[in-house]
Amino acid sequence: MLTFLMAVDDVIDANDALCALAESRYGVPSSRTWDLGVMRDNLGVFSASIELINERQRGATAEVTVQEADRVPLVHIHFERRDGRWLYAAEEPPRALAVRLNRLAAAIRDVSARIEQGDTYEEYVGAFFTKAMPQIREMMQMPSDGAAGPVVYAAPVEE
């Protein structure tokens, strides 16, 4: 899970740098056309902005319902109680996903480098579609059943 989260963070950092660079070079309307920053609020318990909606406990298991930013549907997060502590029970993402996210971050950085080298807006758009979009398409075509199954993580839950 940590490798996956680090890869997501890498994409978000590369995306934020690209958006800031494109905004300064080309202006506000063009820089957010393909902003991938929405990823930061699509990570369940790891989302940047979550609001607790409900919690339900049954014995040694609990389910917490949260809203990521202003999104629907709501997300249900599962916890297990072990040795007196609540632990987060997460689905492990496919290992290949972290690799593809790292490739996407590298592609986004390549697009930023082209802007720094003086690409026109049209060249920037072309670079994004030839470098970043193929990586995004690859991820969207990954089978969703590649997860390794539930993995339990220590969660910072206080009683």
N, C-alpha and C. Protein backbone atom coordinates (compact mmCIF):
# COMPACT_ATOMS: atom_id res chain seq x y z
N MET A 1 0.84 -1.19 0.00
CA MET A 1 0.00 0.00 0.00
C MET A 1 0.88 1.25 0.00
N LEU A 2 1.97 1.21 0.74
CA LEU A 2 2.84 2.38 0.83
C LEU A 2 3.42 2.74 -0.53
N THR A 3 3.83 1.74 -1.30
CA THR A 3 4.37 2.00 -2.64
C THR A 3 3.33 2.67 -3.52
N PHE A 4 2.09 2.20 -3.43
CA PHE A 4 0.99 2.79 -4.19
C PHE A 4 0.76 4.25 -3.77
N LEU A 5 0.70 4.51 -2.47
CA LEU A 5 0.45 5.87 -1.99
C LEU A 5 1.58 6.82 -2.37
N MET A 6 2.81 6.32 -2.33
CA MET A 6 3.94 7.15 -2.75
C MET A 6 3.86 7.47 -4.24
N ALA A 7 3.41 6.50 -5.04
CA ALA A 7 3.26 6.73 -6.47
C ALA A 7 2.15 7.75 -6.75
N VAL A 8 1.05 7.66 -6.02
CA VAL A 8 -0.03 8.64 -6.17
C VAL A 8 0.49 10.03 -5.81
N ASP A 9 1.23 10.12 -4.71
CA ASP A 9 1.80 11.40 -4.30
C ASP A 9 2.74 11.96 -5.37
N ASP A 10 3.50 11.08 -6.01
CA ASP A 10 4.40 11.51 -7.08
C ASP A 10 3.61 12.10 -8.24
N VAL A 11 2.50 11.46 -8.61
CA VAL A 11 1.65 11.99 -9.69
C VAL A 11 1.07 13.34 -9.29
N ILE A 12 0.58 13.44 -8.06
CA ILE A 12 -0.02 14.70 -7.61
C ILE A 12 1.01 15.83 -7.61
N ASP A 13 2.23 15.53 -7.14
CA ASP A 13 3.30 16.55 -7.15
C ASP A 13 3.63 16.98 -8.58
N ALA A 14 3.79 16.00 -9.47
CA ALA A 14 4.11 16.33 -10.87
C ALA A 14 2.97 17.12 -11.50
N ASN A 15 1.74 16.73 -11.20
CA ASN A 15 0.57 17.42 -11.72
C ASN A 15 0.52 18.87 -11.22
N ASP A 16 0.71 19.06 -9.93
CA ASP A 16 0.66 20.42 -9.37
C ASP A 16 1.73 21.31 -9.99
N ALA A 17 2.93 20.75 -10.19
CA ALA A 17 4.00 21.52 -10.82
C ALA A 17 3.65 21.88 -12.26
N LEU A 18 3.08 20.91 -13.00
CA LEU A 18 2.68 21.18 -14.38
C LEU A 18 1.59 22.24 -14.43
N CYS A 19 0.59 22.13 -13.57
CA CYS A 19 -0.49 23.13 -13.57
C CYS A 19 0.03 24.53 -13.27
N ALA A 20 0.92 24.64 -12.28
CA ALA A 20 1.48 25.95 -11.94
C ALA A 20 2.31 26.51 -13.09
N LEU A 21 3.10 25.65 -13.70
CA LEU A 21 3.94 26.08 -14.81
C LEU A 21 3.09 26.49 -16.02
N ALA A 22 2.11 25.67 -16.36
CA ALA A 22 1.24 25.98 -17.51
C ALA A 22 0.43 27.25 -17.24
N GLU A 23 -0.02 27.42 -15.99
CA GLU A 23 -0.77 28.62 -15.65
C GLU A 23 0.09 29.87 -15.81
N SER A 24 1.33 29.79 -15.37
CA SER A 24 2.21 30.97 -15.49
C SER A 24 2.60 31.23 -16.94
N ARG A 25 2.68 30.17 -17.74
CA ARG A 25 3.12 30.33 -19.14
C ARG A 25 1.97 30.65 -20.09
N TYR A 26 0.81 29.99 -19.86
CA TYR A 26 -0.28 30.10 -20.84
C TYR A 26 -1.54 30.77 -20.30
N GLY A 27 -1.66 30.94 -19.02
CA GLY A 27 -2.85 31.57 -18.45
C GLY A 27 -3.78 30.56 -17.79
N VAL A 28 -4.66 31.07 -16.95
CA VAL A 28 -5.54 30.23 -16.12
C VAL A 28 -6.42 29.28 -16.92
N PRO A 29 -7.14 29.74 -17.94
CA PRO A 29 -8.09 28.82 -18.58
C PRO A 29 -7.46 27.57 -19.15
N SER A 30 -6.23 27.66 -19.63
CA SER A 30 -5.64 26.50 -20.30
C SER A 30 -4.93 25.55 -19.35
N SER A 31 -4.56 25.98 -18.17
CA SER A 31 -3.70 25.14 -17.34
C SER A 31 -4.44 24.04 -16.60
N ARG A 32 -5.73 24.18 -16.36
CA ARG A 32 -6.46 23.17 -15.58
C ARG A 32 -7.26 22.21 -16.45
N THR A 33 -7.00 22.23 -17.75
CA THR A 33 -7.77 21.39 -18.67
C THR A 33 -7.67 19.91 -18.29
N TRP A 34 -6.49 19.45 -17.91
CA TRP A 34 -6.32 18.04 -17.54
C TRP A 34 -5.67 17.92 -16.17
N ASP A 35 -6.15 18.67 -15.25
CA ASP A 35 -5.66 18.65 -13.88
C ASP A 35 -6.02 17.31 -13.23
N LEU A 36 -5.03 16.58 -12.78
CA LEU A 36 -5.23 15.29 -12.14
C LEU A 36 -5.28 15.40 -10.62
N GLY A 37 -5.35 16.63 -10.11
CA GLY A 37 -5.37 16.86 -8.67
C GLY A 37 -6.56 16.24 -7.95
N VAL A 38 -7.59 15.88 -8.70
CA VAL A 38 -8.76 15.24 -8.07
C VAL A 38 -8.37 13.92 -7.43
N MET A 39 -7.23 13.38 -7.79
CA MET A 39 -6.77 12.13 -7.19
C MET A 39 -6.61 12.24 -5.68
N ARG A 40 -6.27 13.44 -5.21
CA ARG A 40 -6.00 13.59 -3.78
C ARG A 40 -7.25 13.38 -2.93
N ASP A 41 -8.43 13.44 -3.53
CA ASP A 41 -9.67 13.19 -2.80
C ASP A 41 -10.39 11.97 -3.35
N ASN A 42 -9.62 10.98 -3.72
CA ASN A 42 -10.19 9.74 -4.23
C ASN A 42 -9.41 8.55 -3.68
N LEU A 43 -9.03 8.65 -2.41
CA LEU A 43 -8.15 7.65 -1.80
C LEU A 43 -8.71 7.08 -0.50
N GLY A 44 -10.02 7.14 -0.34
CA GLY A 44 -10.62 6.59 0.88
C GLY A 44 -10.08 7.27 2.11
N VAL A 45 -9.64 6.46 3.06
CA VAL A 45 -9.14 7.00 4.33
C VAL A 45 -7.91 7.90 4.13
N PHE A 46 -7.23 7.74 3.01
CA PHE A 46 -6.03 8.53 2.74
C PHE A 46 -6.33 9.81 1.94
N SER A 47 -7.59 10.08 1.66
CA SER A 47 -7.96 11.29 0.92
C SER A 47 -7.57 12.53 1.70
N ALA A 48 -7.27 13.59 0.97
CA ALA A 48 -6.85 14.84 1.60
C ALA A 48 -7.97 15.46 2.42
N SER A 49 -9.21 15.30 1.95
CA SER A 49 -10.34 15.90 2.64
C SER A 49 -11.44 14.87 2.80
N ILE A 50 -11.68 14.44 4.03
CA ILE A 50 -12.77 13.51 4.28
C ILE A 50 -13.61 14.01 5.45
N GLU A 51 -14.89 13.71 5.37
CA GLU A 51 -15.81 14.07 6.44
C GLU A 51 -16.46 12.79 6.94
N LEU A 52 -16.43 12.59 8.24
CA LEU A 52 -17.06 11.42 8.85
C LEU A 52 -18.57 11.57 8.77
N ILE A 53 -19.24 10.59 8.18
CA ILE A 53 -20.68 10.61 8.04
C ILE A 53 -21.33 9.69 9.07
N ASN A 54 -20.75 8.50 9.25
CA ASN A 54 -21.35 7.51 10.14
C ASN A 54 -20.30 6.50 10.56
N GLU A 55 -20.53 5.87 11.69
CA GLU A 55 -19.68 4.76 12.11
C GLU A 55 -20.55 3.69 12.73
N ARG A 56 -20.16 2.44 12.49
CA ARG A 56 -20.92 1.32 13.02
C ARG A 56 -19.94 0.25 13.47
N GLN A 57 -20.11 -0.21 14.70
CA GLN A 57 -19.22 -1.21 15.26
C GLN A 57 -20.01 -2.47 15.59
N ARG A 58 -19.46 -3.61 15.23
CA ARG A 58 -20.03 -4.90 15.56
C ARG A 58 -18.90 -5.80 16.02
N GLY A 59 -18.83 -6.02 17.31
CA GLY A 59 -17.77 -6.88 17.83
C GLY A 59 -16.40 -6.34 17.49
N ALA A 60 -15.63 -7.17 16.78
CA ALA A 60 -14.25 -6.81 16.46
C ALA A 60 -14.12 -6.17 15.08
N THR A 61 -15.24 -5.77 14.49
CA THR A 61 -15.18 -5.08 13.19
C THR A 61 -15.94 -3.76 13.29
N ALA A 62 -15.55 -2.85 12.47
CA ALA A 62 -16.23 -1.55 12.41
C ALA A 62 -16.22 -1.07 10.96
N GLU A 63 -17.24 -0.30 10.63
CA GLU A 63 -17.32 0.34 9.33
C GLU A 63 -17.54 1.83 9.55
N VAL A 64 -16.72 2.62 8.90
CA VAL A 64 -16.83 4.06 8.98
C VAL A 64 -17.22 4.55 7.58
N THR A 65 -18.23 5.38 7.52
CA THR A 65 -18.67 5.95 6.26
C THR A 65 -18.17 7.38 6.19
N VAL A 66 -17.47 7.70 5.12
CA VAL A 66 -16.91 9.04 4.94
C VAL A 66 -17.31 9.58 3.57
N GLN A 67 -17.24 10.90 3.48
CA GLN A 67 -17.40 11.56 2.19
C GLN A 67 -16.06 12.17 1.83
N GLU A 68 -15.57 11.83 0.64
CA GLU A 68 -14.32 12.40 0.15
C GLU A 68 -14.63 13.74 -0.50
N ALA A 69 -14.10 14.82 0.10
CA ALA A 69 -14.37 16.18 -0.37
C ALA A 69 -15.88 16.35 -0.50
N ASP A 70 -16.37 16.76 -1.67
CA ASP A 70 -17.82 16.93 -1.86
C ASP A 70 -18.38 15.86 -2.79
N ARG A 71 -17.72 14.70 -2.84
CA ARG A 71 -18.07 13.65 -3.78
C ARG A 71 -19.11 12.69 -3.25
N VAL A 72 -19.83 12.10 -4.18
CA VAL A 72 -20.67 10.95 -3.91
C VAL A 72 -20.31 9.91 -4.97
N PRO A 73 -20.44 8.65 -4.70
CA PRO A 73 -21.05 8.05 -3.53
C PRO A 73 -20.11 8.13 -2.31
N LEU A 74 -20.71 7.88 -1.16
CA LEU A 74 -19.95 7.83 0.07
C LEU A 74 -19.05 6.60 0.06
N VAL A 75 -17.99 6.64 0.88
CA VAL A 75 -17.02 5.55 0.93
C VAL A 75 -17.14 4.85 2.28
N HIS A 76 -17.11 3.52 2.24
CA HIS A 76 -17.19 2.72 3.46
C HIS A 76 -15.81 2.14 3.74
N ILE A 77 -15.29 2.44 4.92
CA ILE A 77 -13.94 2.02 5.31
C ILE A 77 -14.06 1.02 6.45
N HIS A 78 -13.35 -0.09 6.32
CA HIS A 78 -13.47 -1.19 7.29
C HIS A 78 -12.27 -1.24 8.22
N PHE A 79 -12.56 -1.51 9.49
CA PHE A 79 -11.54 -1.64 10.52
C PHE A 79 -11.74 -2.97 11.24
N GLU A 80 -10.64 -3.50 11.79
CA GLU A 80 -10.69 -4.71 12.61
C GLU A 80 -10.02 -4.39 13.94
N ARG A 81 -10.57 -4.95 15.01
CA ARG A 81 -9.98 -4.75 16.34
C ARG A 81 -9.10 -5.95 16.66
N ARG A 82 -7.83 -5.67 16.91
CA ARG A 82 -6.86 -6.71 17.27
C ARG A 82 -6.01 -6.21 18.42
N ASP A 83 -5.90 -7.04 19.42
CA ASP A 83 -5.07 -6.70 20.59
C ASP A 83 -5.40 -5.33 21.15
N GLY A 84 -6.69 -5.00 21.20
CA GLY A 84 -7.12 -3.74 21.80
C GLY A 84 -6.96 -2.52 20.91
N ARG A 85 -6.56 -2.69 19.64
CA ARG A 85 -6.36 -1.56 18.74
C ARG A 85 -7.21 -1.74 17.50
N TRP A 86 -7.72 -0.63 16.96
CA TRP A 86 -8.45 -0.68 15.70
C TRP A 86 -7.44 -0.56 14.57
N LEU A 87 -7.54 -1.48 13.62
CA LEU A 87 -6.64 -1.52 12.47
C LEU A 87 -7.44 -1.35 11.19
N TYR A 88 -6.88 -0.65 10.27
CA TYR A 88 -7.51 -0.39 8.98
C TYR A 88 -7.35 -1.62 8.09
N ALA A 89 -8.43 -2.13 7.56
CA ALA A 89 -8.41 -3.28 6.65
C ALA A 89 -8.59 -2.76 5.23
N ALA A 90 -7.52 -2.73 4.46
CA ALA A 90 -7.55 -2.15 3.12
C ALA A 90 -7.40 -3.22 2.06
N GLU A 91 -7.95 -2.94 0.89
CA GLU A 91 -7.69 -3.79 -0.27
C GLU A 91 -6.35 -3.34 -0.85
N GLU A 92 -5.46 -4.28 -1.02
CA GLU A 92 -4.15 -3.96 -1.59
C GLU A 92 -4.32 -3.71 -3.10
N PRO A 93 -3.86 -2.56 -3.60
CA PRO A 93 -3.97 -2.31 -5.03
C PRO A 93 -3.02 -3.23 -5.81
N PRO A 94 -3.31 -3.47 -7.08
CA PRO A 94 -2.39 -4.27 -7.90
C PRO A 94 -1.01 -3.64 -7.92
N ARG A 95 0.02 -4.45 -7.80
CA ARG A 95 1.40 -3.92 -7.78
C ARG A 95 1.73 -3.14 -9.05
N ALA A 96 1.19 -3.59 -10.17
CA ALA A 96 1.48 -2.93 -11.45
C ALA A 96 0.95 -1.50 -11.46
N LEU A 97 -0.04 -1.19 -10.64
CA LEU A 97 -0.61 0.16 -10.64
C LEU A 97 0.41 1.19 -10.18
N ALA A 98 1.20 0.88 -9.17
CA ALA A 98 2.23 1.82 -8.70
C ALA A 98 3.25 2.09 -9.79
N VAL A 99 3.62 1.06 -10.53
CA VAL A 99 4.58 1.22 -11.63
C VAL A 99 4.00 2.15 -12.69
N ARG A 100 2.74 1.94 -13.01
CA ARG A 100 2.10 2.79 -14.04
C ARG A 100 1.92 4.22 -13.54
N LEU A 101 1.63 4.39 -12.27
CA LEU A 101 1.53 5.75 -11.71
C LEU A 101 2.87 6.45 -11.78
N ASN A 102 3.96 5.73 -11.49
CA ASN A 102 5.29 6.33 -11.59
C ASN A 102 5.61 6.72 -13.03
N ARG A 103 5.18 5.90 -13.99
CA ARG A 103 5.37 6.25 -15.41
C ARG A 103 4.58 7.51 -15.76
N LEU A 104 3.37 7.60 -15.22
CA LEU A 104 2.55 8.79 -15.47
C LEU A 104 3.23 10.03 -14.90
N ALA A 105 3.75 9.95 -13.69
CA ALA A 105 4.44 11.10 -13.08
C ALA A 105 5.63 11.51 -13.94
N ALA A 106 6.39 10.54 -14.45
CA ALA A 106 7.54 10.85 -15.31
C ALA A 106 7.07 11.52 -16.60
N ALA A 107 5.97 11.04 -17.17
CA ALA A 107 5.44 11.64 -18.40
C ALA A 107 5.01 13.08 -18.14
N ILE A 108 4.37 13.33 -17.02
CA ILE A 108 3.93 14.69 -16.68
C ILE A 108 5.15 15.60 -16.50
N ARG A 109 6.20 15.08 -15.88
CA ARG A 109 7.42 15.87 -15.72
C ARG A 109 8.05 16.19 -17.09
N ASP A 110 7.96 15.23 -18.02
CA ASP A 110 8.46 15.48 -19.38
C ASP A 110 7.70 16.63 -20.03
N VAL A 111 6.39 16.66 -19.83
CA VAL A 111 5.58 17.75 -20.39
C VAL A 111 6.00 19.08 -19.77
N SER A 112 6.22 19.09 -18.46
CA SER A 112 6.69 20.31 -17.79
C SER A 112 8.02 20.77 -18.37
N ALA A 113 8.91 19.82 -18.59
CA ALA A 113 10.23 20.16 -19.15
C ALA A 113 10.08 20.81 -20.52
N ARG A 114 9.14 20.33 -21.31
CA ARG A 114 8.93 20.92 -22.64
C ARG A 114 8.42 22.36 -22.52
N ILE A 115 7.55 22.61 -21.54
CA ILE A 115 7.08 23.99 -21.33
C ILE A 115 8.26 24.88 -20.96
N GLU A 116 9.11 24.37 -20.05
CA GLU A 116 10.29 25.15 -19.63
C GLU A 116 11.23 25.42 -20.80
N GLN A 117 11.24 24.53 -21.79
CA GLN A 117 12.09 24.72 -22.96
C GLN A 117 11.45 25.63 -24.00
N GLY A 118 10.21 26.10 -23.72
CA GLY A 118 9.60 27.09 -24.59
C GLY A 118 8.51 26.59 -25.52
N ASP A 119 7.97 25.41 -25.28
CA ASP A 119 6.88 24.92 -26.13
C ASP A 119 5.74 25.92 -26.21
N THR A 120 5.13 26.00 -27.37
CA THR A 120 3.91 26.79 -27.52
C THR A 120 2.76 26.04 -26.83
N TYR A 121 1.64 26.71 -26.71
CA TYR A 121 0.47 26.06 -26.10
C TYR A 121 0.09 24.82 -26.90
N GLU A 122 0.09 24.90 -28.21
CA GLU A 122 -0.27 23.76 -29.05
C GLU A 122 0.70 22.60 -28.84
N GLU A 123 1.98 22.91 -28.70
CA GLU A 123 2.98 21.86 -28.45
C GLU A 123 2.77 21.24 -27.07
N TYR A 124 2.42 22.07 -26.09
CA TYR A 124 2.10 21.58 -24.74
C TYR A 124 0.94 20.61 -24.78
N VAL A 125 -0.13 20.97 -25.47
CA VAL A 125 -1.30 20.09 -25.60
C VAL A 125 -0.89 18.78 -26.27
N GLY A 126 -0.14 18.89 -27.35
CA GLY A 126 0.32 17.70 -28.05
C GLY A 126 1.18 16.81 -27.19
N ALA A 127 2.07 17.42 -26.42
CA ALA A 127 2.95 16.65 -25.53
C ALA A 127 2.14 15.94 -24.45
N PHE A 128 1.14 16.61 -23.91
CA PHE A 128 0.32 15.96 -22.89
C PHE A 128 -0.39 14.75 -23.48
N PHE A 129 -0.94 14.91 -24.68
CA PHE A 129 -1.70 13.82 -25.29
C PHE A 129 -0.81 12.68 -25.78
N THR A 130 0.44 12.95 -26.11
CA THR A 130 1.31 11.87 -26.56
C THR A 130 2.12 11.24 -25.43
N LYS A 131 2.32 11.97 -24.34
CA LYS A 131 3.12 11.42 -23.24
C LYS A 131 2.28 10.96 -22.05
N ALA A 132 1.39 11.80 -21.56
CA ALA A 132 0.63 11.47 -20.35
C ALA A 132 -0.61 10.63 -20.63
N MET A 133 -1.35 10.97 -21.67
CA MET A 133 -2.61 10.26 -21.92
C MET A 133 -2.44 8.76 -22.16
N PRO A 134 -1.41 8.31 -22.85
CA PRO A 134 -1.25 6.85 -22.99
C PRO A 134 -1.08 6.15 -21.63
N GLN A 135 -0.41 6.81 -20.70
CA GLN A 135 -0.24 6.23 -19.35
C GLN A 135 -1.59 6.16 -18.63
N ILE A 136 -2.39 7.20 -18.77
CA ILE A 136 -3.71 7.24 -18.14
C ILE A 136 -4.59 6.14 -18.75
N ARG A 137 -4.56 6.00 -20.07
CA ARG A 137 -5.35 4.96 -20.73
C ARG A 137 -4.94 3.57 -20.26
N GLU A 138 -3.64 3.33 -20.12
CA GLU A 138 -3.16 2.04 -19.63
C GLU A 138 -3.76 1.71 -18.26
N MET A 139 -3.75 2.69 -17.38
CA MET A 139 -4.29 2.46 -16.03
C MET A 139 -5.78 2.19 -16.07
N MET A 140 -6.49 2.89 -16.94
CA MET A 140 -7.93 2.70 -17.02
C MET A 140 -8.28 1.33 -17.59
N GLN A 141 -7.38 0.72 -18.33
CA GLN A 141 -7.63 -0.59 -18.91
C GLN A 141 -7.14 -1.74 -18.05
N MET A 142 -6.53 -1.42 -16.91
CA MET A 142 -6.06 -2.49 -16.02
C MET A 142 -7.25 -3.26 -15.46
N PRO A 143 -7.13 -4.57 -15.35
CA PRO A 143 -8.21 -5.34 -14.73
C PRO A 143 -8.35 -4.95 -13.26
N SER A 144 -9.58 -4.83 -12.82
CA SER A 144 -9.82 -4.41 -11.44
C SER A 144 -9.69 -5.57 -10.46
N ASP A 145 -9.60 -6.79 -10.95
CA ASP A 145 -9.51 -7.94 -10.06
C ASP A 145 -8.08 -8.29 -9.70
N GLY A 146 -7.12 -7.41 -10.01
CA GLY A 146 -5.73 -7.70 -9.73
C GLY A 146 -5.30 -7.42 -8.31
N ALA A 147 -6.23 -7.05 -7.44
CA ALA A 147 -5.87 -6.73 -6.06
C ALA A 147 -5.43 -7.99 -5.33
N ALA A 148 -4.52 -7.80 -4.40
CA ALA A 148 -3.97 -8.92 -3.64
C ALA A 148 -4.87 -9.35 -2.50
N GLY A 149 -5.93 -8.63 -2.25
CA GLY A 149 -6.84 -8.98 -1.16
C GLY A 149 -6.66 -8.07 0.03
N PRO A 150 -7.46 -8.29 1.08
CA PRO A 150 -7.39 -7.40 2.24
C PRO A 150 -6.06 -7.49 2.97
N VAL A 151 -5.57 -6.35 3.34
CA VAL A 151 -4.36 -6.24 4.14
C VAL A 151 -4.71 -5.32 5.30
N VAL A 152 -4.28 -5.67 6.49
CA VAL A 152 -4.63 -4.89 7.67
C VAL A 152 -3.46 -3.99 8.03
N TYR A 153 -3.76 -2.70 8.24
CA TYR A 153 -2.77 -1.70 8.58
C TYR A 153 -3.13 -1.07 9.91
N ALA A 154 -2.11 -0.73 10.67
CA ALA A 154 -2.38 0.02 11.90
C ALA A 154 -2.97 1.36 11.53
N ALA A 155 -4.03 1.72 12.19
CA ALA A 155 -4.70 2.98 11.89
C ALA A 155 -4.60 3.91 13.10
N PRO A 156 -4.45 5.19 12.86
CA PRO A 156 -4.36 6.15 13.97
C PRO A 156 -5.75 6.44 14.53
N VAL A 157 -6.32 5.43 15.18
CA VAL A 157 -7.67 5.58 15.72
C VAL A 157 -7.60 5.60 17.24
N GLU A 158 -8.10 6.65 17.81
CA GLU A 158 -8.14 6.78 19.27
C GLU A 158 -9.54 6.45 19.76
N GLU A 159 -9.63 5.89 20.92
CA GLU A 159 -10.97 5.62 21.50
C GLU A 159 -11.34 6.72 22.46
